[in-house]
């Protein structure tokens, strides 16, 4: 199994709305993309300035399935939601 963890820092007008739309869209993907076992999105609501805005945790069976998920049109539509707000992205993928 592969764990795919991505953090996003969003900036600009509409950040809260974009983050909420992204969360809803991503969490609907396991029903649309067979290679995606699970997906969870957390939106930072902590008080510390400078924290990342969103964390995405997804699970796929293997790296081939992760690549299929990443290229899927439904996933690309989710990316388009936050792309105009994206200031930084960090990712870790690992086998477990």
N, C-alpha and C. Protein backbone atom coordinates (compact mmCIF):
# COMPACT_ATOMS: atom_id res chain seq x y z
N UNK A 1 0.84 -1.18 0.00
CA UNK A 1 0.00 0.00 0.00
C UNK A 1 0.89 1.25 0.00
N UNK A 2 0.37 2.29 -0.62
CA UNK A 2 1.08 3.57 -0.71
C UNK A 2 0.28 4.63 0.02
N UNK A 3 0.95 5.38 0.88
CA UNK A 3 0.36 6.54 1.52
C UNK A 3 0.89 7.77 0.80
N UNK A 4 -0.01 8.63 0.38
CA UNK A 4 0.30 9.85 -0.38
C UNK A 4 -0.16 11.02 0.48
N UNK A 5 0.80 11.78 1.01
CA UNK A 5 0.49 12.91 1.88
C UNK A 5 0.98 14.18 1.21
N UNK A 6 0.06 15.13 1.05
CA UNK A 6 0.39 16.39 0.38
C UNK A 6 -0.09 17.53 1.25
N UNK A 7 0.78 18.53 1.43
CA UNK A 7 0.40 19.75 2.13
C UNK A 7 0.39 20.89 1.12
N UNK A 8 -0.61 21.75 1.26
CA UNK A 8 -0.75 22.90 0.38
C UNK A 8 -0.82 24.17 1.22
N UNK A 9 -0.12 25.19 0.78
CA UNK A 9 -0.25 26.52 1.37
C UNK A 9 -0.98 27.38 0.35
N UNK A 10 -2.14 27.88 0.74
CA UNK A 10 -2.94 28.72 -0.14
C UNK A 10 -2.81 30.18 0.29
N UNK A 11 -2.90 31.06 -0.69
CA UNK A 11 -2.85 32.50 -0.43
C UNK A 11 -3.82 33.20 -1.35
N UNK A 12 -4.30 34.36 -0.91
CA UNK A 12 -5.13 35.18 -1.76
C UNK A 12 -6.58 35.16 -1.35
N UNK A 13 -7.35 35.94 -2.06
CA UNK A 13 -8.77 36.05 -1.80
C UNK A 13 -9.49 34.75 -2.18
N UNK A 14 -10.38 34.30 -1.32
CA UNK A 14 -11.13 33.08 -1.59
C UNK A 14 -10.46 31.83 -1.08
N UNK A 15 -9.45 31.96 -0.23
CA UNK A 15 -8.72 30.79 0.27
C UNK A 15 -9.62 29.84 1.05
N UNK A 16 -10.42 30.35 1.96
CA UNK A 16 -11.28 29.48 2.78
C UNK A 16 -12.30 28.75 1.89
N UNK A 17 -12.89 29.47 0.96
CA UNK A 17 -13.87 28.87 0.07
C UNK A 17 -13.22 27.82 -0.84
N UNK A 18 -12.05 28.14 -1.36
CA UNK A 18 -11.33 27.20 -2.21
C UNK A 18 -10.93 25.94 -1.47
N UNK A 19 -10.47 26.11 -0.23
CA UNK A 19 -10.09 24.95 0.58
C UNK A 19 -11.30 24.05 0.84
N UNK A 20 -12.43 24.65 1.15
CA UNK A 20 -13.65 23.87 1.42
C UNK A 20 -14.12 23.13 0.16
N UNK A 21 -14.08 23.79 -0.98
CA UNK A 21 -14.48 23.15 -2.24
C UNK A 21 -13.54 22.00 -2.58
N UNK A 22 -12.23 22.22 -2.36
CA UNK A 22 -11.22 21.20 -2.62
C UNK A 22 -11.47 19.97 -1.74
N UNK A 23 -11.70 20.19 -0.45
CA UNK A 23 -11.95 19.09 0.48
C UNK A 23 -13.14 18.25 0.01
N UNK A 24 -14.23 18.90 -0.31
CA UNK A 24 -15.43 18.19 -0.75
C UNK A 24 -15.16 17.38 -2.03
N UNK A 25 -14.46 18.00 -2.97
CA UNK A 25 -14.19 17.34 -4.25
C UNK A 25 -13.24 16.15 -4.08
N UNK A 26 -12.17 16.33 -3.33
CA UNK A 26 -11.20 15.24 -3.14
C UNK A 26 -11.83 14.07 -2.40
N UNK A 27 -12.60 14.35 -1.36
CA UNK A 27 -13.16 13.27 -0.56
C UNK A 27 -14.24 12.49 -1.32
N UNK A 28 -14.71 13.02 -2.45
CA UNK A 28 -15.65 12.30 -3.30
C UNK A 28 -14.94 11.38 -4.30
N UNK A 29 -13.63 11.53 -4.45
CA UNK A 29 -12.90 10.80 -5.49
C UNK A 29 -12.85 9.28 -5.33
N UNK A 30 -12.76 8.72 -4.11
CA UNK A 30 -12.71 7.25 -4.04
C UNK A 30 -13.90 6.57 -4.72
N UNK A 31 -15.04 7.23 -4.78
CA UNK A 31 -16.20 6.67 -5.46
C UNK A 31 -16.09 6.79 -6.98
N UNK A 32 -15.18 7.65 -7.46
CA UNK A 32 -15.03 7.91 -8.89
C UNK A 32 -13.79 7.28 -9.51
N UNK A 33 -12.77 7.06 -8.68
CA UNK A 33 -11.48 6.55 -9.17
C UNK A 33 -11.20 5.21 -8.49
N UNK A 34 -11.30 4.11 -9.23
CA UNK A 34 -11.14 2.79 -8.60
C UNK A 34 -9.77 2.57 -7.95
N UNK A 35 -8.74 3.23 -8.44
CA UNK A 35 -7.39 3.03 -7.92
C UNK A 35 -7.16 3.76 -6.59
N UNK A 36 -8.09 4.62 -6.21
CA UNK A 36 -7.95 5.39 -4.97
C UNK A 36 -8.71 4.69 -3.86
N UNK A 37 -7.97 4.14 -2.91
CA UNK A 37 -8.58 3.39 -1.81
C UNK A 37 -9.28 4.33 -0.83
N UNK A 38 -8.61 5.43 -0.48
CA UNK A 38 -9.19 6.39 0.45
C UNK A 38 -8.58 7.77 0.24
N UNK A 39 -9.30 8.78 0.69
CA UNK A 39 -8.80 10.16 0.63
C UNK A 39 -9.44 10.96 1.75
N UNK A 40 -8.61 11.69 2.46
CA UNK A 40 -9.07 12.54 3.55
C UNK A 40 -8.36 13.88 3.43
N UNK A 41 -9.09 14.95 3.64
CA UNK A 41 -8.51 16.30 3.59
C UNK A 41 -8.78 16.99 4.91
N UNK A 42 -7.73 17.58 5.48
CA UNK A 42 -7.86 18.40 6.68
C UNK A 42 -7.54 19.84 6.33
N UNK A 43 -8.38 20.75 6.81
CA UNK A 43 -8.16 22.18 6.62
C UNK A 43 -7.70 22.74 7.95
N UNK A 44 -6.55 23.40 7.93
CA UNK A 44 -5.97 23.93 9.16
C UNK A 44 -6.91 24.94 9.81
N UNK A 45 -7.20 24.73 11.08
CA UNK A 45 -7.97 25.73 11.82
C UNK A 45 -7.25 26.13 13.10
N UNK A 46 -5.95 25.84 13.14
CA UNK A 46 -5.14 26.20 14.29
C UNK A 46 -4.78 27.68 14.29
N UNK A 47 -4.35 28.18 15.42
CA UNK A 47 -4.08 29.61 15.56
C UNK A 47 -2.71 30.07 15.05
N UNK A 48 -1.79 29.16 14.78
CA UNK A 48 -0.43 29.56 14.44
C UNK A 48 -0.33 30.09 13.02
N UNK A 49 0.13 31.30 12.88
CA UNK A 49 0.37 31.89 11.56
C UNK A 49 1.51 31.13 10.88
N UNK A 50 1.43 30.99 9.58
CA UNK A 50 2.48 30.31 8.84
C UNK A 50 2.28 28.83 8.66
N UNK A 51 1.24 28.27 9.28
CA UNK A 51 0.95 26.84 9.07
C UNK A 51 0.48 26.61 7.65
N UNK A 52 0.57 25.37 7.21
CA UNK A 52 0.04 24.98 5.91
C UNK A 52 -1.48 25.05 5.98
N UNK A 53 -2.12 25.28 4.85
CA UNK A 53 -3.57 25.46 4.79
C UNK A 53 -4.32 24.14 4.77
N UNK A 54 -3.84 23.20 3.96
CA UNK A 54 -4.55 21.93 3.72
C UNK A 54 -3.56 20.78 3.80
N UNK A 55 -4.01 19.66 4.33
CA UNK A 55 -3.27 18.41 4.22
C UNK A 55 -4.19 17.36 3.60
N UNK A 56 -3.67 16.66 2.62
CA UNK A 56 -4.38 15.58 1.94
C UNK A 56 -3.66 14.27 2.26
N UNK A 57 -4.41 13.28 2.71
CA UNK A 57 -3.86 11.94 2.93
C UNK A 57 -4.67 10.98 2.08
N UNK A 58 -4.00 10.32 1.15
CA UNK A 58 -4.66 9.38 0.26
C UNK A 58 -3.92 8.05 0.31
N UNK A 59 -4.65 6.98 -0.01
CA UNK A 59 -4.08 5.64 -0.02
C UNK A 59 -4.41 4.97 -1.35
N UNK A 60 -3.38 4.35 -1.94
CA UNK A 60 -3.52 3.55 -3.16
C UNK A 60 -2.80 2.22 -2.93
N UNK A 61 -3.14 1.23 -3.73
CA UNK A 61 -2.55 -0.10 -3.56
C UNK A 61 -1.07 -0.11 -3.91
N UNK A 62 -0.68 0.64 -4.94
CA UNK A 62 0.71 0.64 -5.39
C UNK A 62 0.99 1.93 -6.16
N UNK A 63 2.24 2.09 -6.61
CA UNK A 63 2.61 3.32 -7.30
C UNK A 63 1.94 3.45 -8.67
N UNK A 64 1.62 2.36 -9.30
CA UNK A 64 0.88 2.43 -10.58
C UNK A 64 -0.52 3.00 -10.34
N UNK A 65 -1.15 2.57 -9.27
CA UNK A 65 -2.47 3.12 -8.95
C UNK A 65 -2.38 4.60 -8.56
N UNK A 66 -1.32 4.98 -7.86
CA UNK A 66 -1.12 6.39 -7.52
C UNK A 66 -0.98 7.23 -8.78
N UNK A 67 -0.24 6.74 -9.76
CA UNK A 67 -0.07 7.46 -11.03
C UNK A 67 -1.40 7.56 -11.77
N UNK A 68 -2.20 6.50 -11.73
CA UNK A 68 -3.52 6.54 -12.39
C UNK A 68 -4.42 7.56 -11.72
N UNK A 69 -4.41 7.59 -10.40
CA UNK A 69 -5.18 8.58 -9.65
C UNK A 69 -4.73 10.00 -10.01
N UNK A 70 -3.44 10.22 -10.03
CA UNK A 70 -2.90 11.56 -10.30
C UNK A 70 -3.29 12.07 -11.68
N UNK A 71 -3.38 11.18 -12.65
CA UNK A 71 -3.70 11.57 -14.03
C UNK A 71 -5.19 11.56 -14.34
N UNK A 72 -6.01 11.09 -13.42
CA UNK A 72 -7.45 10.96 -13.67
C UNK A 72 -8.10 12.34 -13.82
N UNK A 73 -8.97 12.51 -14.79
CA UNK A 73 -9.63 13.81 -15.01
C UNK A 73 -10.37 14.35 -13.77
N UNK A 74 -10.96 13.48 -12.97
CA UNK A 74 -11.66 13.94 -11.77
C UNK A 74 -10.66 14.54 -10.76
N UNK A 75 -9.47 13.94 -10.66
CA UNK A 75 -8.44 14.49 -9.78
C UNK A 75 -7.93 15.82 -10.33
N UNK A 76 -7.71 15.89 -11.62
CA UNK A 76 -7.23 17.13 -12.24
C UNK A 76 -8.23 18.26 -12.06
N UNK A 77 -9.51 17.94 -12.03
CA UNK A 77 -10.54 18.96 -11.76
C UNK A 77 -10.41 19.49 -10.33
N UNK A 78 -10.04 18.63 -9.39
CA UNK A 78 -9.81 19.06 -8.01
C UNK A 78 -8.61 19.99 -7.92
N UNK A 79 -7.55 19.63 -8.62
CA UNK A 79 -6.34 20.47 -8.64
C UNK A 79 -6.69 21.87 -9.16
N UNK A 80 -7.53 21.93 -10.17
CA UNK A 80 -7.90 23.22 -10.76
C UNK A 80 -8.61 24.13 -9.76
N UNK A 81 -9.25 23.56 -8.75
CA UNK A 81 -9.94 24.36 -7.74
C UNK A 81 -8.96 25.23 -6.97
N UNK A 82 -7.82 24.65 -6.57
CA UNK A 82 -6.89 25.40 -5.72
C UNK A 82 -5.69 25.97 -6.46
N UNK A 83 -5.51 25.58 -7.70
CA UNK A 83 -4.31 26.03 -8.43
C UNK A 83 -4.15 27.56 -8.43
N UNK A 84 -5.21 28.34 -8.63
CA UNK A 84 -5.02 29.80 -8.61
C UNK A 84 -4.63 30.35 -7.24
N UNK A 85 -4.84 29.58 -6.18
CA UNK A 85 -4.54 30.01 -4.82
C UNK A 85 -3.24 29.41 -4.28
N UNK A 86 -2.62 28.52 -5.03
CA UNK A 86 -1.50 27.73 -4.53
C UNK A 86 -0.22 28.56 -4.42
N UNK A 87 0.30 28.64 -3.19
CA UNK A 87 1.57 29.32 -2.94
C UNK A 87 2.72 28.32 -2.79
N UNK A 88 2.42 27.13 -2.23
CA UNK A 88 3.46 26.12 -2.02
C UNK A 88 2.79 24.75 -1.86
N UNK A 89 3.57 23.72 -2.21
CA UNK A 89 3.11 22.34 -2.10
C UNK A 89 4.28 21.47 -1.63
N UNK A 90 4.00 20.53 -0.73
CA UNK A 90 5.00 19.57 -0.27
C UNK A 90 4.34 18.20 -0.25
N UNK A 91 5.10 17.17 -0.63
CA UNK A 91 4.52 15.82 -0.76
C UNK A 91 5.49 14.77 -0.23
N UNK A 92 4.91 13.75 0.38
CA UNK A 92 5.65 12.54 0.78
C UNK A 92 4.81 11.34 0.36
N UNK A 93 5.42 10.40 -0.35
CA UNK A 93 4.79 9.13 -0.70
C UNK A 93 5.63 8.03 -0.08
N UNK A 94 4.96 7.04 0.55
CA UNK A 94 5.73 5.94 1.13
C UNK A 94 4.90 4.67 1.15
N UNK A 95 5.60 3.55 1.16
CA UNK A 95 4.96 2.24 1.26
C UNK A 95 4.75 1.88 2.74
N UNK A 96 3.64 1.25 3.00
CA UNK A 96 3.40 0.79 4.37
C UNK A 96 2.75 -0.57 4.37
